[in-house]
């Protein structure tokens, strides 16, 4: 297993800006090496703050954004105009990138209740979309960077304790989420762990016990965050408050 690389920053703002700078560099490197970048972004306080920090970073002008595909690790299965939607919360980034060549067709949002009757239908559609952008025989593109937040219960994406199975690929419907709203769509753990780099981004003292549990042993069922890993790098990018029990 690839060893985790843990980077600790002073606070939420410093962590968000560090994530943004690293992400811009990683995207530039991926496009230079392969002509395209596939990036999975995340919602949550730190996830959205990091995307806003990308929009604020002058180095964004050096990126060929027309070659970048954005994917989501999870989404709330609600109306398309709901403030709960991660993709709407990330709109400041996409708006800033429009004038730099971003193709909105490569911002792959998960489906909403306006499009699908059930979260299962939205998950099937996203699974098909992943496969359509993948190499022949693969279930999804090879993600260059896949970012995940973590909840105080150690959930990642919308994979909560006792809600995850590594043998599934693509996207799945999640019901009875311990955190509202109850219906969601999420990438599976099996798909998450196909990414070249997986970044677990965490901030806040309330996350410290779960982060410590994730560091102690790998237990996908009880502590989902402990099981995330990249094929080339696994990075934990955290603030000082979240790191106190490591």
C-alpha atoms as a PDB file:
ATOM      1  CA  UNK A   1       0.000   0.000   0.000  1.00  0.00           C
ATOM      2  CA  UNK A   2       1.210   3.515  -0.804  1.00  0.00           C
ATOM      3  CA  UNK A   3       2.247   5.295   2.393  1.00  0.00           C
ATOM      4  CA  UNK A   4       0.138   8.288   3.382  1.00  0.00           C
ATOM      5  CA  UNK A   5       1.732  11.706   3.107  1.00  0.00           C
ATOM      6  CA  UNK A   6       0.362  14.013   5.798  1.00  0.00           C
ATOM      7  CA  UNK A   7       0.634  17.796   5.422  1.00  0.00           C
ATOM      8  CA  UNK A   8      -0.579  20.049   8.237  1.00  0.00           C
ATOM      9  CA  UNK A   9      -1.484  23.725   7.790  1.00  0.00           C
ATOM     10  CA  UNK A  10      -2.350  26.345  10.379  1.00  0.00           C
ATOM     11  CA  UNK A  11      -6.059  26.849   9.738  1.00  0.00           C
ATOM     12  CA  UNK A  12      -8.891  26.364   7.266  1.00  0.00           C
ATOM     13  CA  UNK A  13      -7.869  29.279   5.052  1.00  0.00           C
ATOM     14  CA  UNK A  14      -4.230  28.209   4.817  1.00  0.00           C
ATOM     15  CA  UNK A  15      -5.306  24.630   4.112  1.00  0.00           C
ATOM     16  CA  UNK A  16      -7.710  25.696   1.352  1.00  0.00           C
ATOM     17  CA  UNK A  17      -5.075  27.833  -0.375  1.00  0.00           C
ATOM     18  CA  UNK A  18      -2.466  25.067  -0.098  1.00  0.00           C
ATOM     19  CA  UNK A  19      -4.904  22.593  -1.669  1.00  0.00           C
ATOM     20  CA  UNK A  20      -5.639  25.057  -4.470  1.00  0.00           C
ATOM     21  CA  UNK A  21      -1.960  25.626  -5.267  1.00  0.00           C
ATOM     22  CA  UNK A  22      -1.233  21.898  -5.276  1.00  0.00           C
ATOM     23  CA  UNK A  23      -4.296  21.222  -7.442  1.00  0.00           C
ATOM     24  CA  UNK A  24      -3.286  23.779 -10.072  1.00  0.00           C
ATOM     25  CA  UNK A  25       0.169  22.207 -10.263  1.00  0.00           C
ATOM     26  CA  UNK A  26      -1.248  18.684 -10.481  1.00  0.00           C
ATOM     27  CA  UNK A  27      -3.639  19.642 -13.265  1.00  0.00           C
ATOM     28  CA  UNK A  28      -0.866  21.349 -15.213  1.00  0.00           C
ATOM     29  CA  UNK A  29       1.347  18.278 -14.856  1.00  0.00           C
ATOM     30  CA  UNK A  30      -1.439  15.906 -15.935  1.00  0.00           C
ATOM     31  CA  UNK A  31      -2.313  17.924 -19.032  1.00  0.00           C
ATOM     32  CA  UNK A  32       1.369  18.194 -19.953  1.00  0.00           C
ATOM     33  CA  UNK A  33       1.899  14.441 -19.551  1.00  0.00           C
ATOM     34  CA  UNK A  34      -1.330  13.085 -21.029  1.00  0.00           C
ATOM     35  CA  UNK A  35      -3.136  15.930 -22.775  1.00  0.00           C
ATOM     36  CA  UNK A  36      -6.093  15.744 -20.383  1.00  0.00           C
ATOM     37  CA  UNK A  37      -6.782  15.894 -16.658  1.00  0.00           C
ATOM     38  CA  UNK A  38      -9.590  14.145 -14.788  1.00  0.00           C
ATOM     39  CA  UNK A  39     -10.213  15.698 -11.384  1.00  0.00           C
ATOM     40  CA  UNK A  40     -12.760  14.643  -8.760  1.00  0.00           C
ATOM     41  CA  UNK A  41     -13.777  17.519  -6.506  1.00  0.00           C
ATOM     42  CA  UNK A  42     -15.727  17.564  -3.283  1.00  0.00           C
ATOM     43  CA  UNK A  43     -18.175  19.751  -1.427  1.00  0.00           C
ATOM     44  CA  UNK A  44     -18.184  20.591   2.248  1.00  0.00           C
ATOM     45  CA  UNK A  45     -16.751  23.668   3.921  1.00  0.00           C
ATOM     46  CA  UNK A  46     -13.107  22.946   3.111  1.00  0.00           C
ATOM     47  CA  UNK A  47     -13.799  21.429  -0.304  1.00  0.00           C
ATOM     48  CA  UNK A  48     -15.694  24.484  -1.533  1.00  0.00           C
ATOM     49  CA  UNK A  49     -13.190  26.852   0.115  1.00  0.00           C
ATOM     50  CA  UNK A  50     -10.416  25.110  -1.831  1.00  0.00           C
ATOM     51  CA  UNK A  51     -12.297  25.540  -5.111  1.00  0.00           C
ATOM     52  CA  UNK A  52     -12.873  29.222  -4.354  1.00  0.00           C
ATOM     53  CA  UNK A  53      -9.140  29.491  -3.620  1.00  0.00           C
ATOM     54  CA  UNK A  54      -8.405  28.066  -7.081  1.00  0.00           C
ATOM     55  CA  UNK A  55     -10.598  30.804  -8.559  1.00  0.00           C
ATOM     56  CA  UNK A  56      -8.616  33.408  -6.607  1.00  0.00           C
ATOM     57  CA  UNK A  57      -5.169  32.048  -7.508  1.00  0.00           C
ATOM     58  CA  UNK A  58      -3.456  33.989 -10.338  1.00  0.00           C
ATOM     59  CA  UNK A  59      -1.700  30.785 -11.445  1.00  0.00           C
ATOM     60  CA  UNK A  60      -5.021  29.490 -12.760  1.00  0.00           C
ATOM     61  CA  UNK A  61      -4.385  31.524 -15.917  1.00  0.00           C
ATOM     62  CA  UNK A  62      -1.554  29.157 -16.855  1.00  0.00           C
ATOM     63  CA  UNK A  63      -3.818  26.086 -17.024  1.00  0.00           C
ATOM     64  CA  UNK A  64      -5.386  24.762 -20.217  1.00  0.00           C
ATOM     65  CA  UNK A  65      -8.850  24.426 -18.692  1.00  0.00           C
ATOM     66  CA  UNK A  66     -10.328  23.152 -21.963  1.00  0.00           C
ATOM     67  CA  UNK A  67      -8.449  19.903 -21.275  1.00  0.00           C
ATOM     68  CA  UNK A  68      -9.816  19.437 -17.745  1.00  0.00           C
ATOM     69  CA  UNK A  69     -12.721  17.198 -16.786  1.00  0.00           C
ATOM     70  CA  UNK A  70     -14.351  17.839 -13.411  1.00  0.00           C
ATOM     71  CA  UNK A  71     -16.160  15.002 -11.647  1.00  0.00           C
ATOM     72  CA  UNK A  72     -17.908  14.788  -8.282  1.00  0.00           C
ATOM     73  CA  UNK A  73     -17.309  12.306  -5.497  1.00  0.00           C
ATOM     74  CA  UNK A  74     -20.903  12.655  -4.354  1.00  0.00           C
ATOM     75  CA  UNK A  75     -23.977  14.822  -4.607  1.00  0.00           C
ATOM     76  CA  UNK A  76     -27.187  15.383  -2.697  1.00  0.00           C
ATOM     77  CA  UNK A  77     -30.182  14.009  -4.631  1.00  0.00           C
ATOM     78  CA  UNK A  78     -32.268  17.163  -4.478  1.00  0.00           C
ATOM     79  CA  UNK A  79     -33.626  19.737  -6.920  1.00  0.00           C
ATOM     80  CA  UNK A  80     -31.161  21.196  -9.414  1.00  0.00           C
ATOM     81  CA  UNK A  81     -31.511  24.680  -7.917  1.00  0.00           C
ATOM     82  CA  UNK A  82     -31.160  23.554  -4.303  1.00  0.00           C
ATOM     83  CA  UNK A  83     -28.497  25.297  -2.253  1.00  0.00           C
ATOM     84  CA  UNK A  84     -27.564  21.839  -0.957  1.00  0.00           C
ATOM     85  CA  UNK A  85     -26.110  20.906  -4.348  1.00  0.00           C
ATOM     86  CA  UNK A  86     -22.311  20.751  -4.303  1.00  0.00           C
ATOM     87  CA  UNK A  87     -22.132  21.745  -7.945  1.00  0.00           C
ATOM     88  CA  UNK A  88     -24.016  24.995  -7.266  1.00  0.00           C
ATOM     89  CA  UNK A  89     -21.765  25.813  -4.315  1.00  0.00           C
ATOM     90  CA  UNK A  90     -18.775  25.395  -6.652  1.00  0.00           C
ATOM     91  CA  UNK A  91     -20.166  27.797  -9.241  1.00  0.00           C
ATOM     92  CA  UNK A  92     -17.721  30.623  -8.308  1.00  0.00           C
ATOM     93  CA  UNK A  93     -14.874  28.440  -9.570  1.00  0.00           C
ATOM     94  CA  UNK A  94     -16.554  27.456 -12.810  1.00  0.00           C
ATOM     95  CA  UNK A  95     -17.635  31.037 -13.505  1.00  0.00           C
ATOM     96  CA  UNK A  96     -14.047  32.209 -13.020  1.00  0.00           C
ATOM     97  CA  UNK A  97     -12.792  29.538 -15.413  1.00  0.00           C
ATOM     98  CA  UNK A  98     -15.336  30.204 -18.164  1.00  0.00           C
ATOM     99  CA  UNK A  99     -13.248  33.049 -19.564  1.00  0.00           C
ATOM    100  CA  UNK A 100     -10.125  30.864 -19.382  1.00  0.00           C
ATOM    101  CA  UNK A 101     -11.471  28.203 -21.729  1.00  0.00           C
ATOM    102  CA  UNK A 102     -13.432  25.869 -19.473  1.00  0.00           C
ATOM    103  CA  UNK A 103     -15.902  23.743 -21.435  1.00  0.00           C
ATOM    104  CA  UNK A 104     -18.999  23.327 -19.271  1.00  0.00           C
ATOM    105  CA  UNK A 105     -19.612  19.995 -21.022  1.00  0.00           C
ATOM    106  CA  UNK A 106     -16.644  18.656 -19.073  1.00  0.00           C
ATOM    107  CA  UNK A 107     -18.131  19.625 -15.707  1.00  0.00           C
ATOM    108  CA  UNK A 108     -19.847  16.310 -15.027  1.00  0.00           C
ATOM    109  CA  UNK A 109     -22.540  17.020 -12.462  1.00  0.00           C
ATOM    110  CA  UNK A 110     -24.491  14.200 -10.864  1.00  0.00           C
ATOM    111  CA  UNK A 111     -28.203  14.110 -11.596  1.00  0.00           C
ATOM    112  CA  UNK A 112     -30.909  15.904  -9.648  1.00  0.00           C
ATOM    113  CA  UNK A 113     -34.550  15.216  -8.824  1.00  0.00           C
ATOM    114  CA  UNK A 114     -35.467  17.393 -11.808  1.00  0.00           C
ATOM    115  CA  UNK A 115     -33.889  14.806 -14.104  1.00  0.00           C
ATOM    116  CA  UNK A 116     -34.496  11.481 -12.391  1.00  0.00           C
ATOM    117  CA  UNK A 117     -37.240   9.900 -10.315  1.00  0.00           C
ATOM    118  CA  UNK A 118     -34.842   8.075  -8.013  1.00  0.00           C
ATOM    119  CA  UNK A 119     -31.277   8.282  -6.787  1.00  0.00           C
ATOM    120  CA  UNK A 120     -30.761   4.834  -8.337  1.00  0.00           C
ATOM    121  CA  UNK A 121     -31.536   6.240 -11.782  1.00  0.00           C
ATOM    122  CA  UNK A 122     -29.127   9.128 -11.217  1.00  0.00           C
ATOM    123  CA  UNK A 123     -26.418   6.697 -10.077  1.00  0.00           C
ATOM    124  CA  UNK A 124     -26.873   4.488 -13.137  1.00  0.00           C
ATOM    125  CA  UNK A 125     -26.638   7.539 -15.403  1.00  0.00           C
ATOM    126  CA  UNK A 126     -23.419   8.689 -13.718  1.00  0.00           C
ATOM    127  CA  UNK A 127     -21.953   5.209 -13.919  1.00  0.00           C
ATOM    128  CA  UNK A 128     -22.625   5.220 -17.661  1.00  0.00           C
ATOM    129  CA  UNK A 129     -21.068   8.660 -18.010  1.00  0.00           C
ATOM    130  CA  UNK A 130     -17.943   7.514 -16.199  1.00  0.00           C
ATOM    131  CA  UNK A 131     -17.642   4.525 -18.519  1.00  0.00           C
ATOM    132  CA  UNK A 132     -18.185   6.697 -21.598  1.00  0.00           C
ATOM    133  CA  UNK A 133     -15.112   8.774 -20.694  1.00  0.00           C
ATOM    134  CA  UNK A 134     -13.005   5.728 -19.784  1.00  0.00           C
ATOM    135  CA  UNK A 135     -10.611   3.603 -21.784  1.00  0.00           C
ATOM    136  CA  UNK A 136     -12.069   0.503 -23.424  1.00  0.00           C
ATOM    137  CA  UNK A 137     -12.936  -2.031 -20.755  1.00  0.00           C
ATOM    138  CA  UNK A 138     -12.541   0.383 -17.827  1.00  0.00           C
ATOM    139  CA  UNK A 139     -15.388   1.498 -15.580  1.00  0.00           C
ATOM    140  CA  UNK A 140     -14.163   5.082 -15.213  1.00  0.00           C
ATOM    141  CA  UNK A 141     -11.423   7.436 -16.365  1.00  0.00           C
ATOM    142  CA  UNK A 142      -8.144   7.293 -14.487  1.00  0.00           C
ATOM    143  CA  UNK A 143      -8.562  10.232 -12.146  1.00  0.00           C
ATOM    144  CA  UNK A 144      -5.413  12.294 -11.703  1.00  0.00           C
ATOM    145  CA  UNK A 145      -6.586  13.748  -8.392  1.00  0.00           C
ATOM    146  CA  UNK A 146      -9.594  12.703  -6.340  1.00  0.00           C
ATOM    147  CA  UNK A 147     -10.401  14.936  -3.375  1.00  0.00           C
ATOM    148  CA  UNK A 148     -12.469  13.805  -0.425  1.00  0.00           C
ATOM    149  CA  UNK A 149     -13.665  15.584   2.647  1.00  0.00           C
ATOM    150  CA  UNK A 150     -14.359  13.653   5.834  1.00  0.00           C
ATOM    151  CA  UNK A 151     -17.164  13.895   8.356  1.00  0.00           C
ATOM    152  CA  UNK A 152     -16.880  13.566  12.141  1.00  0.00           C
ATOM    153  CA  UNK A 153     -18.154   9.992  11.730  1.00  0.00           C
ATOM    154  CA  UNK A 154     -15.297   9.289   9.245  1.00  0.00           C
ATOM    155  CA  UNK A 155     -17.536   9.209   6.166  1.00  0.00           C
ATOM    156  CA  UNK A 156     -16.071  10.148   2.794  1.00  0.00           C
ATOM    157  CA  UNK A 157     -18.079  11.161  -0.275  1.00  0.00           C
ATOM    158  CA  UNK A 158     -21.486   9.794   0.810  1.00  0.00           C
ATOM    159  CA  UNK A 159     -20.023   6.515   2.031  1.00  0.00           C
ATOM    160  CA  UNK A 160     -20.998   6.384   5.676  1.00  0.00           C
ATOM    161  CA  UNK A 161     -19.999   3.747   8.202  1.00  0.00           C
ATOM    162  CA  UNK A 162     -21.722   0.479   7.241  1.00  0.00           C
ATOM    163  CA  UNK A 163     -22.732   1.945   3.837  1.00  0.00           C
ATOM    164  CA  UNK A 164     -19.695   1.001   1.723  1.00  0.00           C
ATOM    165  CA  UNK A 165     -18.466  -1.994  -0.307  1.00  0.00           C
ATOM    166  CA  UNK A 166     -15.222  -2.138  -2.276  1.00  0.00           C
ATOM    167  CA  UNK A 167     -16.540  -4.655  -4.793  1.00  0.00           C
ATOM    168  CA  UNK A 168     -18.855  -2.092  -6.403  1.00  0.00           C
ATOM    169  CA  UNK A 169     -17.710   0.225  -9.194  1.00  0.00           C
ATOM    170  CA  UNK A 170     -19.142   3.446 -10.564  1.00  0.00           C
ATOM    171  CA  UNK A 171     -21.773   5.409  -8.665  1.00  0.00           C
ATOM    172  CA  UNK A 172     -24.390   4.174  -6.222  1.00  0.00           C
ATOM    173  CA  UNK A 173     -27.514   5.512  -4.588  1.00  0.00           C
ATOM    174  CA  UNK A 174     -27.305   6.154  -0.853  1.00  0.00           C
ATOM    175  CA  UNK A 175     -30.434   6.291   1.287  1.00  0.00           C
ATOM    176  CA  UNK A 176     -31.050   6.981   4.961  1.00  0.00           C
ATOM    177  CA  UNK A 177     -27.951   9.138   5.123  1.00  0.00           C
ATOM    178  CA  UNK A 178     -27.109   9.897   8.755  1.00  0.00           C
ATOM    179  CA  UNK A 179     -26.508  13.454   7.607  1.00  0.00           C
ATOM    180  CA  UNK A 180     -29.341  15.238   5.734  1.00  0.00           C
ATOM    181  CA  UNK A 181     -30.500  15.228   3.057  1.00  0.00           C
ATOM    182  CA  UNK A 182     -31.184  11.480   3.212  1.00  0.00           C
ATOM    183  CA  UNK A 183     -30.893  10.630  -0.495  1.00  0.00           C
ATOM    184  CA  UNK A 184     -27.560  10.941  -2.283  1.00  0.00           C
ATOM    185  CA  UNK A 185     -25.419   9.653  -5.133  1.00  0.00           C
ATOM    186  CA  UNK A 186     -21.823   8.678  -4.436  1.00  0.00           C
ATOM    187  CA  UNK A 187     -18.803   7.169  -6.103  1.00  0.00           C
ATOM    188  CA  UNK A 188     -18.016   3.766  -4.640  1.00  0.00           C
ATOM    189  CA  UNK A 189     -14.933   2.979  -2.604  1.00  0.00           C
ATOM    190  CA  UNK A 190     -13.760   0.699  -5.393  1.00  0.00           C
ATOM    191  CA  UNK A 191     -13.889   3.572  -7.873  1.00  0.00           C
ATOM    192  CA  UNK A 192     -12.335   6.083  -5.484  1.00  0.00           C
ATOM    193  CA  UNK A 193      -9.313   3.854  -5.043  1.00  0.00           C
ATOM    194  CA  UNK A 194      -8.573   3.690  -8.769  1.00  0.00           C
ATOM    195  CA  UNK A 195      -7.395   7.338  -8.741  1.00  0.00           C
ATOM    196  CA  UNK A 196      -3.726   8.130  -9.215  1.00  0.00           C
ATOM    197  CA  UNK A 197      -3.802  10.453  -6.217  1.00  0.00           C
ATOM    198  CA  UNK A 198      -6.409  10.521  -3.468  1.00  0.00           C
ATOM    199  CA  UNK A 199      -6.416  13.594  -1.234  1.00  0.00           C
ATOM    200  CA  UNK A 200      -8.234  13.442   2.100  1.00  0.00           C
ATOM    201  CA  UNK A 201      -8.793  17.079   3.035  1.00  0.00           C
ATOM    202  CA  UNK A 202      -9.902  17.723   6.608  1.00  0.00           C
ATOM    203  CA  UNK A 203     -10.309  20.750   8.871  1.00  0.00           C
ATOM    204  CA  UNK A 204     -11.748  21.302  12.318  1.00  0.00           C
ATOM    205  CA  UNK A 205     -11.280  19.973  15.849  1.00  0.00           C
ATOM    206  CA  UNK A 206     -14.521  17.991  15.585  1.00  0.00           C
ATOM    207  CA  UNK A 207     -12.834  15.818  12.926  1.00  0.00           C
ATOM    208  CA  UNK A 208      -9.765  14.993  15.055  1.00  0.00           C
ATOM    209  CA  UNK A 209     -11.100  11.760  16.637  1.00  0.00           C
ATOM    210  CA  UNK A 210     -12.222  10.348  13.286  1.00  0.00           C
ATOM    211  CA  UNK A 211      -8.934  11.280  11.640  1.00  0.00           C
ATOM    212  CA  UNK A 212      -7.028   9.570  14.428  1.00  0.00           C
ATOM    213  CA  UNK A 213      -9.199   6.470  14.032  1.00  0.00           C
ATOM    214  CA  UNK A 214      -8.510   6.473  10.282  1.00  0.00           C
ATOM    215  CA  UNK A 215      -4.776   6.645  10.967  1.00  0.00           C
ATOM    216  CA  UNK A 216      -4.875   3.782  13.464  1.00  0.00           C
ATOM    217  CA  UNK A 217      -6.047   0.931  11.224  1.00  0.00           C
ATOM    218  CA  UNK A 218      -7.787   0.258   7.925  1.00  0.00           C
ATOM    219  CA  UNK A 219     -11.430  -0.597   8.541  1.00  0.00           C
ATOM    220  CA  UNK A 220     -13.569   0.322   5.570  1.00  0.00           C
ATOM    221  CA  UNK A 221     -16.854  -0.642   7.195  1.00  0.00           C
ATOM    222  CA  UNK A 222     -16.451   1.157  10.512  1.00  0.00           C
ATOM    223  CA  UNK A 223     -14.068   3.950   9.425  1.00  0.00           C
ATOM    224  CA  UNK A 224     -14.481   4.596   5.682  1.00  0.00           C
ATOM    225  CA  UNK A 225     -11.803   7.318   5.599  1.00  0.00           C
ATOM    226  CA  UNK A 226      -9.194   4.765   6.656  1.00  0.00           C
ATOM    227  CA  UNK A 227      -9.636   2.810   3.426  1.00  0.00           C
ATOM    228  CA  UNK A 228      -9.127   5.532   0.815  1.00  0.00           C
ATOM    229  CA  UNK A 229      -5.883   5.325  -1.130  1.00  0.00           C
ATOM    230  CA  UNK A 230      -4.418   6.371  -4.451  1.00  0.00           C
ATOM    231  CA  UNK A 231      -2.467   4.121  -6.780  1.00  0.00           C
ATOM    232  CA  UNK A 232       0.435   6.591  -6.842  1.00  0.00           C
ATOM    233  CA  UNK A 233      -0.096   8.838  -3.809  1.00  0.00           C
ATOM    234  CA  UNK A 234      -2.374   9.176  -0.803  1.00  0.00           C
ATOM    235  CA  UNK A 235      -2.263  12.655   0.686  1.00  0.00           C
ATOM    236  CA  UNK A 236      -3.877  13.856   3.874  1.00  0.00           C
ATOM    237  CA  UNK A 237      -4.033  17.657   3.746  1.00  0.00           C
ATOM    238  CA  UNK A 238      -5.349  18.876   7.085  1.00  0.00           C
ATOM    239  CA  UNK A 239      -5.437  21.829   9.378  1.00  0.00           C
ATOM    240  CA  UNK A 240      -3.805  21.882  12.801  1.00  0.00           C
ATOM    241  CA  UNK A 241      -7.083  21.525  14.677  1.00  0.00           C
ATOM    242  CA  UNK A 242      -7.930  18.271  12.886  1.00  0.00           C
ATOM    243  CA  UNK A 243      -4.432  16.871  13.434  1.00  0.00           C
ATOM    244  CA  UNK A 244      -4.241  17.159  17.217  1.00  0.00           C
ATOM    245  CA  UNK A 245      -4.784  13.425  17.890  1.00  0.00           C
ATOM    246  CA  UNK A 246      -2.550  12.056  15.154  1.00  0.00           C
END
